[in-house]
Amino acid sequence: MKRRWMYITLSVFFAFFLLYSCTPPTTNNSSNNEATNTEATNSEVTIVIDRMGVNRNATLVLAQDGLNGEWKELTGTDGVYTFTVNDEHGIYSVAAVDRIPQSDSSDVKLFHGTLAEAKMINILFNAYEDTDYATLTINVPTGYATTTISVFFLKDNSRINSIDNGKASVKIPKGKGELVVFISDPETYEPLKVYIKRGFDFQGDGSITINENELKSPEKITDWGDEVKYGWVLGKTIIPSHINENIGIPTELMQNGDRYVAGYRNWAGNLSIGWSKVTENPTSVTVKEGVKALEPATTTISATGVEGDLPKITFSPYQSEISDYEVKYYGFYIYSDYITITPGYLAKVNNAYTFPKINSDNWEPSYNPPSNYTMDLIAICLSLSTIDEINSLKVGSEWVVFDTWLRGV
């Protein structure tokens, strides 16, 4: 029996920049209206399984070409899968399953879209300590033996760690990327120094020694204000804004491609709002007009039901009131399975989504939600950027994801 899990909502993922794909974007600037037009055949979709920046194959990944095509099992390499879409409208679906270690539960994610809207699918699964993490011991200069450190690697950040006898040991993901260490005041937690090691290849337990000359003073962002806070993007490594707020990347450590994500967050009642904009310089970024005025979108779901023992959800498409922003996708839970649907796909099913009947040797009945399912929330992404541009954190991309808790709708 698959037990029910409470997940972090999409806006929170965006708040900490965990939807960042480590793969380059496949830019397609078609609008949502164009998404329903006939697309060129023989187009490839890439699926990336992302576990806090670690790419490892899932238990099962399936893809469907068109609305009625056969569900085919895909073979991945290091968490990357590809398949070709031949449907004349570019419609496709992806289902991914990840077994949860030491449990009878599974994490199930589905994506339904069109080639005009996305060709790079980034599926987030949990990372697990026994397979995806290892211990890194960090030795600091003697002058910092009584400070604290925070460690960032890929999309993981460790809690503040005390230094004992000049060293601290932390669990971080196994992978390759930029290692960032903040050395902070043990009482105020104000960052004193920053250490960055580029291209750090970490595949198992190990240690590093930080020399005094490798520590740099953090920059101060003077234009950060009370609403917009800035996270860092250093290659594959994300330093979320709630950790460093008004701290900038040391100038002498910056490299081409380093950038910031400006973020605005607001939670009120059954609504949460997360707005983001990718920028090279953390100056003069203001929240897009209309974002703060967003209201709960409970009427987006007009009906829920069952068809053939599988959930059926009827949508009333959301109309964006923010200038230049269009709906990029809807996200929601059916029981504990997370579903993402693009407007182009939704239009092709006449705004009525039925959980797919997947006939595959390795698809188990427990992966389907029960007929007495519940829906906890609806998440809507509005943007002037494409899904691929958002997932790759392309400079200039901006978007808002707002979640509405449905509370029994």
Protein backbone atom coordinates (compact mmCIF):
# COMPACT_ATOMS: atom_id res chain seq x y z
CA MET A 1 0.00 0.00 0.00
CA LYS A 2 1.40 3.33 -1.01
CA ARG A 3 1.18 5.77 1.87
CA ARG A 4 0.40 9.42 1.32
CA TRP A 5 3.23 11.95 1.40
CA MET A 6 3.09 15.69 1.98
CA TYR A 7 5.35 17.42 -0.51
CA ILE A 8 6.83 20.88 -0.72
CA THR A 9 4.81 22.88 -3.23
CA LEU A 10 6.20 24.17 -6.46
CA SER A 11 6.43 27.76 -5.29
CA VAL A 12 8.69 26.65 -2.45
CA PHE A 13 10.82 24.70 -4.92
CA PHE A 14 11.17 27.89 -6.92
CA ALA A 15 11.86 29.86 -3.78
CA PHE A 16 14.96 27.79 -3.22
CA PHE A 17 15.69 27.40 -6.93
CA LEU A 18 15.40 23.66 -6.93
CA LEU A 19 13.77 23.52 -10.33
CA TYR A 20 17.03 24.48 -11.95
CA SER A 21 18.01 22.03 -14.64
CA CYS A 22 21.70 21.27 -15.04
CA THR A 23 21.18 20.82 -18.76
CA PRO A 24 21.19 23.58 -21.40
CA PRO A 25 17.86 24.99 -22.59
CA THR A 26 16.28 24.06 -25.90
CA THR A 27 14.73 27.42 -26.58
CA ASN A 28 11.39 27.51 -28.35
CA ASN A 29 9.57 30.84 -28.36
CA SER A 30 6.17 29.59 -29.53
CA SER A 31 3.23 31.09 -27.66
CA ASN A 32 0.51 29.03 -26.03
CA ASN A 33 -1.78 29.68 -28.99
CA GLU A 34 0.85 28.31 -31.34
CA ALA A 35 1.29 25.28 -29.09
CA THR A 36 -1.82 23.69 -30.59
CA ASN A 37 -0.61 24.03 -34.17
CA THR A 38 0.92 21.13 -36.09
CA GLU A 39 4.53 20.53 -35.12
CA ALA A 40 7.38 19.03 -37.09
CA THR A 41 7.68 15.28 -36.57
CA ASN A 42 10.73 13.35 -35.36
CA SER A 43 11.53 15.80 -32.56
CA GLU A 44 13.46 14.64 -29.50
CA VAL A 45 12.53 15.20 -25.87
CA THR A 46 15.11 14.89 -23.10
CA ILE A 47 14.16 13.84 -19.57
CA VAL A 48 16.54 14.56 -16.70
CA ILE A 49 16.08 12.86 -13.33
CA ASP A 50 17.24 15.38 -10.76
CA ARG A 51 18.00 14.55 -7.11
CA MET A 52 19.32 17.73 -5.51
CA GLY A 53 21.57 18.12 -8.54
CA VAL A 54 22.51 14.45 -8.63
CA ASN A 55 21.49 12.67 -11.85
CA ARG A 56 20.72 8.99 -11.36
CA ASN A 57 18.25 6.74 -13.15
CA ALA A 58 14.74 6.37 -11.76
CA THR A 59 13.05 3.03 -11.04
CA LEU A 60 10.89 3.40 -14.15
CA VAL A 61 10.48 6.01 -16.90
CA LEU A 62 7.80 5.68 -19.57
CA ALA A 63 6.82 7.92 -22.49
CA GLN A 64 3.75 8.15 -24.72
CA ASP A 65 3.77 9.59 -28.24
CA GLY A 66 0.50 11.46 -28.88
CA LEU A 67 -2.72 11.07 -26.91
CA ASN A 68 -3.32 7.40 -27.62
CA GLY A 69 0.12 5.96 -28.32
CA GLU A 70 1.58 2.96 -26.55
CA TRP A 71 3.43 3.69 -23.32
CA LYS A 72 7.05 2.67 -23.88
CA GLU A 73 9.66 2.09 -21.23
CA LEU A 74 12.81 4.20 -21.70
CA THR A 75 16.40 3.33 -20.86
CA GLY A 76 18.42 6.10 -19.24
CA THR A 77 22.11 6.79 -18.75
CA ASP A 78 23.17 8.65 -15.60
CA GLY A 79 19.67 9.99 -15.13
CA VAL A 80 19.16 11.20 -18.70
CA TYR A 81 16.52 9.73 -21.03
CA THR A 82 15.50 10.66 -24.57
CA PHE A 83 12.66 9.74 -26.89
CA THR A 84 11.30 10.91 -30.24
CA VAL A 85 7.84 12.42 -30.65
CA ASN A 86 6.18 11.67 -33.99
CA ASP A 87 2.68 12.93 -33.20
CA GLU A 88 1.59 15.51 -35.78
CA HIS A 89 0.64 17.96 -33.02
CA GLY A 90 3.80 17.30 -31.00
CA ILE A 91 1.83 15.89 -28.05
CA TYR A 92 3.59 13.61 -25.58
CA SER A 93 3.49 12.37 -22.00
CA VAL A 94 6.10 11.17 -19.52
CA ALA A 95 5.63 9.06 -16.37
CA ALA A 96 8.45 8.47 -13.90
CA VAL A 97 8.50 6.30 -10.79
CA ASP A 98 11.04 6.18 -8.01
CA ARG A 99 10.98 3.53 -5.31
CA ILE A 100 11.54 4.95 -1.85
CA PRO A 101 14.28 2.97 -0.05
CA GLN A 102 13.24 0.89 2.96
CA SER A 103 9.59 1.55 2.23
CA ASP A 104 6.71 0.07 0.28
CA SER A 105 6.03 3.52 -1.18
CA SER A 106 6.92 5.08 -4.52
CA ASP A 107 7.25 8.63 -5.78
CA VAL A 108 5.30 9.10 -9.03
CA LYS A 109 5.54 12.12 -11.37
CA LEU A 110 3.79 12.72 -14.70
CA PHE A 111 4.30 15.42 -17.33
CA HIS A 112 1.93 16.08 -20.24
CA GLY A 113 2.86 18.66 -22.86
CA THR A 114 3.71 19.55 -26.44
CA LEU A 115 6.97 20.06 -28.27
CA ALA A 116 6.11 23.72 -28.77
CA GLU A 117 6.05 24.22 -25.01
CA ALA A 118 8.92 22.08 -23.70
CA LYS A 119 11.55 19.66 -24.98
CA MET A 120 13.55 19.41 -21.75
CA ILE A 121 11.76 17.81 -18.80
CA ASN A 122 13.39 18.10 -15.40
CA ILE A 123 11.84 15.61 -12.96
CA LEU A 124 12.63 16.15 -9.30
CA PHE A 125 13.00 13.15 -7.02
CA ASN A 126 14.36 12.92 -3.51
CA ALA A 127 18.02 12.21 -2.93
CA TYR A 128 18.81 9.49 -0.39
CA GLU A 129 21.64 9.41 2.07
CA ASP A 130 22.62 5.79 1.46
CA THR A 131 23.00 6.18 -2.32
CA ASP A 132 23.39 9.85 -3.19
CA TYR A 133 25.42 11.39 -0.35
CA ALA A 134 28.87 11.05 1.16
CA THR A 135 30.80 12.76 3.97
CA LEU A 136 33.13 15.67 3.27
CA THR A 137 35.52 16.79 6.03
CA ILE A 138 36.56 20.44 5.72
CA ASN A 139 39.70 21.75 7.42
CA VAL A 140 39.79 25.53 7.97
CA PRO A 141 42.67 27.88 8.81
CA THR A 142 43.47 28.13 12.52
CA GLY A 143 42.18 31.70 12.69
CA TYR A 144 38.66 30.42 12.04
CA ALA A 145 38.67 27.45 14.41
CA THR A 146 35.82 28.86 16.52
CA THR A 147 33.54 29.97 13.68
CA THR A 148 30.71 28.14 11.93
CA ILE A 149 30.41 27.02 8.30
CA SER A 150 27.61 26.48 5.80
CA VAL A 151 28.33 24.27 2.81
CA PHE A 152 26.63 24.40 -0.61
CA PHE A 153 27.08 21.83 -3.34
CA LEU A 154 24.80 21.30 -6.32
CA LYS A 155 21.28 21.93 -4.98
CA ASP A 156 22.00 20.87 -1.43
CA ASN A 157 22.92 23.13 1.46
CA SER A 158 24.02 21.89 4.84
CA ARG A 159 22.83 23.40 8.06
CA ILE A 160 25.16 25.68 9.96
CA ASN A 161 27.94 23.48 11.28
CA SER A 162 30.19 24.17 14.23
CA ILE A 163 33.91 23.73 13.71
CA ASP A 164 35.60 21.28 16.08
CA ASN A 165 39.40 21.21 16.30
CA GLY A 166 39.65 23.19 13.06
CA LYS A 167 37.39 20.94 10.99
CA ALA A 168 33.78 20.05 10.29
CA SER A 169 32.22 17.05 8.58
CA VAL A 170 29.10 17.42 6.43
CA LYS A 171 26.97 15.21 4.20
CA ILE A 172 26.76 16.48 0.61
CA PRO A 173 25.59 14.93 -2.69
CA LYS A 174 28.02 12.88 -4.73
CA GLY A 175 28.67 14.67 -8.01
CA LYS A 176 30.67 17.35 -9.76
CA GLY A 177 30.12 21.07 -9.46
CA GLU A 178 31.03 24.22 -7.59
CA LEU A 179 31.67 23.79 -3.86
CA VAL A 180 30.84 26.91 -1.83
CA VAL A 181 31.66 27.32 1.87
CA PHE A 182 30.56 30.26 4.01
CA ILE A 183 32.52 30.88 7.21
CA SER A 184 30.32 32.84 9.59
CA ASP A 185 30.32 34.49 13.00
CA PRO A 186 29.14 31.86 15.53
CA GLU A 187 26.83 34.34 17.31
CA THR A 188 25.42 36.60 14.58
CA TYR A 189 25.85 34.08 11.72
CA GLU A 190 27.03 36.96 9.56
CA PRO A 191 29.22 35.59 6.72
CA LEU A 192 32.87 36.52 7.26
CA LYS A 193 34.54 34.71 4.36
CA VAL A 194 33.61 32.71 1.28
CA TYR A 195 35.46 29.79 -0.31
CA ILE A 196 34.66 28.55 -3.81
CA LYS A 197 36.18 25.47 -5.43
CA ARG A 198 35.25 25.12 -9.10
CA GLY A 199 34.70 21.74 -10.72
CA PHE A 200 34.83 19.90 -7.41
CA ASP A 201 34.54 16.19 -8.20
CA PHE A 202 33.11 14.42 -5.18
CA GLN A 203 32.23 10.75 -5.61
CA GLY A 204 32.75 9.42 -2.08
CA ASP A 205 33.91 10.27 1.44
CA GLY A 206 36.84 12.67 1.39
CA SER A 207 38.38 15.82 2.82
CA ILE A 208 39.68 19.22 1.73
CA THR A 209 41.87 21.83 3.40
CA ILE A 210 41.06 25.50 2.89
CA ASN A 211 44.07 27.79 2.89
CA GLU A 212 43.92 31.35 4.20
CA ASN A 213 44.57 32.89 0.78
CA GLU A 214 41.58 31.01 -0.69
CA LEU A 215 39.12 32.79 1.58
CA LYS A 216 37.57 35.97 0.18
CA SER A 217 35.36 38.60 1.72
CA PRO A 218 31.72 38.46 0.59
CA GLU A 219 30.24 41.39 -1.29
CA LYS A 220 27.34 43.42 0.07
CA ILE A 221 24.27 43.92 -2.10
CA THR A 222 23.11 47.44 -1.29
CA ASP A 223 19.96 47.42 -3.45
CA TRP A 224 18.34 44.32 -2.03
CA GLY A 225 15.50 45.97 -0.10
CA ASP A 226 12.83 44.17 1.87
CA GLU A 227 10.95 42.49 -0.99
CA VAL A 228 13.53 41.10 -3.39
CA LYS A 229 16.32 38.84 -2.21
CA TYR A 230 19.08 37.30 -4.29
CA GLY A 231 20.25 33.72 -4.62
CA TRP A 232 23.40 32.63 -6.42
CA VAL A 233 23.76 30.35 -9.42
CA LEU A 234 27.34 29.07 -9.84
CA GLY A 235 27.31 26.45 -12.56
CA LYS A 236 25.31 23.56 -11.11
CA THR A 237 25.38 24.88 -7.56
CA ILE A 238 22.53 26.91 -6.06
CA ILE A 239 22.90 29.16 -3.01
CA PRO A 240 19.33 30.06 -2.01
CA SER A 241 18.42 33.63 -1.11
CA HIS A 242 17.10 32.78 2.36
CA ILE A 243 20.64 31.81 3.38
CA ASN A 244 22.61 34.85 2.23
CA GLU A 245 19.96 37.52 1.51
CA ASN A 246 22.13 40.62 0.98
CA ILE A 247 25.43 38.83 0.28
CA GLY A 248 26.94 38.99 -3.22
CA ILE A 249 29.46 36.77 -5.01
CA PRO A 250 33.02 38.00 -4.30
CA THR A 251 34.17 39.90 -7.39
CA GLU A 252 37.54 38.16 -7.57
CA LEU A 253 35.86 34.74 -7.53
CA MET A 254 33.24 35.40 -10.20
CA GLN A 255 33.41 33.61 -13.54
CA ASN A 256 31.54 33.91 -16.80
CA GLY A 257 28.10 32.40 -16.40
CA ASP A 258 27.72 33.16 -12.69
CA ARG A 259 24.41 34.87 -12.03
CA TYR A 260 21.73 35.72 -9.50
CA VAL A 261 18.08 34.83 -9.12
CA ALA A 262 16.06 37.67 -7.63
CA GLY A 263 13.10 36.35 -5.70
CA TYR A 264 9.91 37.63 -4.08
CA ARG A 265 7.88 35.37 -1.78
CA ASN A 266 4.53 35.81 -0.09
CA TRP A 267 2.37 33.36 1.84
CA ALA A 268 -1.15 34.28 2.93
CA GLY A 269 -3.95 31.91 3.84
CA ASN A 270 -4.39 29.25 1.16
CA LEU A 271 -2.21 31.15 -1.35
CA SER A 272 1.56 31.21 -1.77
CA ILE A 273 3.36 33.29 -4.40
CA GLY A 274 6.92 32.84 -5.64
CA TRP A 275 8.27 35.26 -8.27
CA SER A 276 11.78 34.97 -9.75
CA LYS A 277 13.97 36.75 -12.27
CA VAL A 278 17.43 35.68 -13.44
CA THR A 279 19.94 38.50 -13.67
CA GLU A 280 23.69 38.94 -14.03
CA ASN A 281 23.76 41.91 -11.64
CA PRO A 282 21.69 42.26 -8.45
CA THR A 283 20.61 45.86 -9.03
CA SER A 284 17.30 47.58 -9.68
CA VAL A 285 15.19 44.42 -9.91
CA THR A 286 11.54 45.12 -9.16
CA VAL A 287 8.67 42.68 -8.79
CA LYS A 288 6.58 42.34 -11.95
CA GLU A 289 3.42 44.42 -11.76
CA GLY A 290 0.42 42.25 -10.94
CA VAL A 291 2.31 39.55 -9.06
CA LYS A 292 1.38 40.86 -5.62
CA ALA A 293 -2.28 41.09 -6.67
CA LEU A 294 -2.60 37.37 -7.50
CA GLU A 295 -5.54 35.67 -5.81
CA PRO A 296 -6.36 32.01 -5.07
CA ALA A 297 -7.21 30.05 -8.22
CA THR A 298 -9.70 27.58 -6.79
CA THR A 299 -12.06 27.99 -9.77
CA THR A 300 -9.37 26.60 -12.09
CA ILE A 301 -10.59 23.13 -11.11
CA SER A 302 -14.24 23.06 -12.18
CA ALA A 303 -14.98 19.39 -11.45
CA THR A 304 -13.42 16.21 -10.11
CA GLY A 305 -14.58 12.69 -10.80
CA VAL A 306 -13.64 9.18 -11.88
CA GLU A 307 -13.58 7.49 -15.28
CA GLY A 308 -12.71 3.82 -15.52
CA ASP A 309 -11.61 3.82 -11.85
CA LEU A 310 -9.06 6.54 -12.64
CA PRO A 311 -9.29 10.21 -11.60
CA LYS A 312 -10.76 12.73 -14.04
CA ILE A 313 -10.17 16.44 -13.47
CA THR A 314 -12.00 19.13 -15.46
CA PHE A 315 -10.26 22.48 -15.81
CA SER A 316 -11.49 25.99 -16.38
CA PRO A 317 -8.32 27.42 -17.98
CA TYR A 318 -6.77 30.23 -15.99
CA GLN A 319 -6.59 33.62 -17.67
CA SER A 320 -3.46 35.57 -16.81
CA GLU A 321 -3.98 39.19 -15.80
CA ILE A 322 -0.26 39.97 -15.77
CA SER A 323 1.04 41.78 -18.84
CA ASP A 324 3.15 39.57 -21.16
CA TYR A 325 2.76 36.59 -18.83
CA GLU A 326 1.07 33.45 -20.15
CA VAL A 327 0.23 30.19 -18.42
CA LYS A 328 3.14 27.80 -18.89
CA TYR A 329 1.85 24.84 -16.90
CA TYR A 330 -0.49 23.62 -14.19
CA GLY A 331 0.77 21.39 -11.40
CA PHE A 332 -1.31 19.42 -8.92
CA TYR A 333 -1.43 16.30 -6.79
CA ILE A 334 -3.87 13.49 -7.34
CA TYR A 335 -3.52 11.69 -4.04
CA SER A 336 0.30 11.59 -3.85
CA ASP A 337 1.11 11.51 -7.58
CA TYR A 338 2.30 14.86 -8.91
CA ILE A 339 1.01 15.88 -12.35
CA THR A 340 2.22 18.70 -14.59
CA ILE A 341 0.12 19.70 -17.61
CA THR A 342 0.77 22.40 -20.21
CA PRO A 343 -2.02 24.50 -21.77
CA GLY A 344 -1.32 23.01 -25.19
CA TYR A 345 -1.91 19.48 -23.94
CA LEU A 346 -4.95 20.52 -21.92
CA ALA A 347 -6.56 22.07 -25.01
CA LYS A 348 -6.14 18.78 -26.89
CA VAL A 349 -8.09 16.89 -24.23
CA ASN A 350 -10.84 19.53 -24.12
CA ASN A 351 -9.73 20.72 -20.69
CA ALA A 352 -10.65 17.38 -19.08
CA TYR A 353 -7.65 15.41 -17.80
CA THR A 354 -7.97 11.72 -17.02
CA PHE A 355 -5.13 9.93 -15.27
CA PRO A 356 -3.69 7.67 -17.98
CA LYS A 357 -4.30 3.95 -18.10
CA ILE A 358 -0.72 2.78 -18.46
CA ASN A 359 -0.35 -0.72 -19.84
CA SER A 360 3.26 -1.64 -19.31
CA ASP A 361 4.88 -4.75 -17.84
CA ASN A 362 6.62 -2.76 -15.09
CA TRP A 363 3.82 -0.34 -14.26
CA GLU A 364 2.22 -1.53 -11.01
CA PRO A 365 -1.38 -0.89 -9.90
CA SER A 366 -0.05 0.81 -6.74
CA TYR A 367 1.35 3.61 -8.93
CA ASN A 368 -2.20 4.66 -9.82
CA PRO A 369 -4.07 6.94 -7.43
CA PRO A 370 -7.14 5.44 -5.75
CA SER A 371 -10.65 6.23 -6.94
CA ASN A 372 -11.29 8.05 -3.64
CA TYR A 373 -8.37 10.40 -4.30
CA THR A 374 -8.00 13.92 -2.96
CA MET A 375 -6.50 17.06 -4.48
CA ASP A 376 -4.50 19.25 -2.14
CA LEU A 377 -3.46 22.12 -4.38
CA ILE A 378 -3.21 23.63 -7.82
CA ALA A 379 0.02 25.36 -8.84
CA ILE A 380 0.10 27.68 -11.85
CA CYS A 381 3.21 29.02 -13.57
CA LEU A 382 2.91 32.33 -15.45
CA SER A 383 5.82 33.64 -17.47
CA LEU A 384 7.06 35.47 -20.53
CA SER A 385 9.78 32.80 -20.79
CA THR A 386 9.56 29.21 -22.02
CA ILE A 387 9.63 26.22 -19.69
CA ASP A 388 13.05 25.30 -21.06
CA GLU A 389 14.38 28.81 -20.33
CA ILE A 390 13.00 28.72 -16.80
CA ASN A 391 14.43 25.28 -16.07
CA SER A 392 17.88 26.36 -17.28
CA LEU A 393 17.73 29.70 -15.40
CA LYS A 394 18.52 31.60 -18.57
CA VAL A 395 19.54 35.20 -17.90
CA GLY A 396 16.53 37.45 -18.41
CA SER A 397 13.94 34.76 -17.75
CA GLU A 398 11.27 35.60 -15.20
CA TRP A 399 8.20 33.79 -13.91
CA VAL A 400 5.78 33.44 -11.05
CA VAL A 401 4.42 30.23 -9.57
CA PHE A 402 1.46 30.56 -7.25
CA ASP A 403 -0.05 27.71 -5.30
CA THR A 404 -3.63 27.52 -4.09
CA TRP A 405 -4.52 24.99 -1.42
CA LEU A 406 -7.80 23.53 -2.54
CA ARG A 407 -8.82 22.16 0.85
CA GLY A 408 -11.27 19.56 -0.33
CA VAL A 409 -12.21 20.98 -3.75
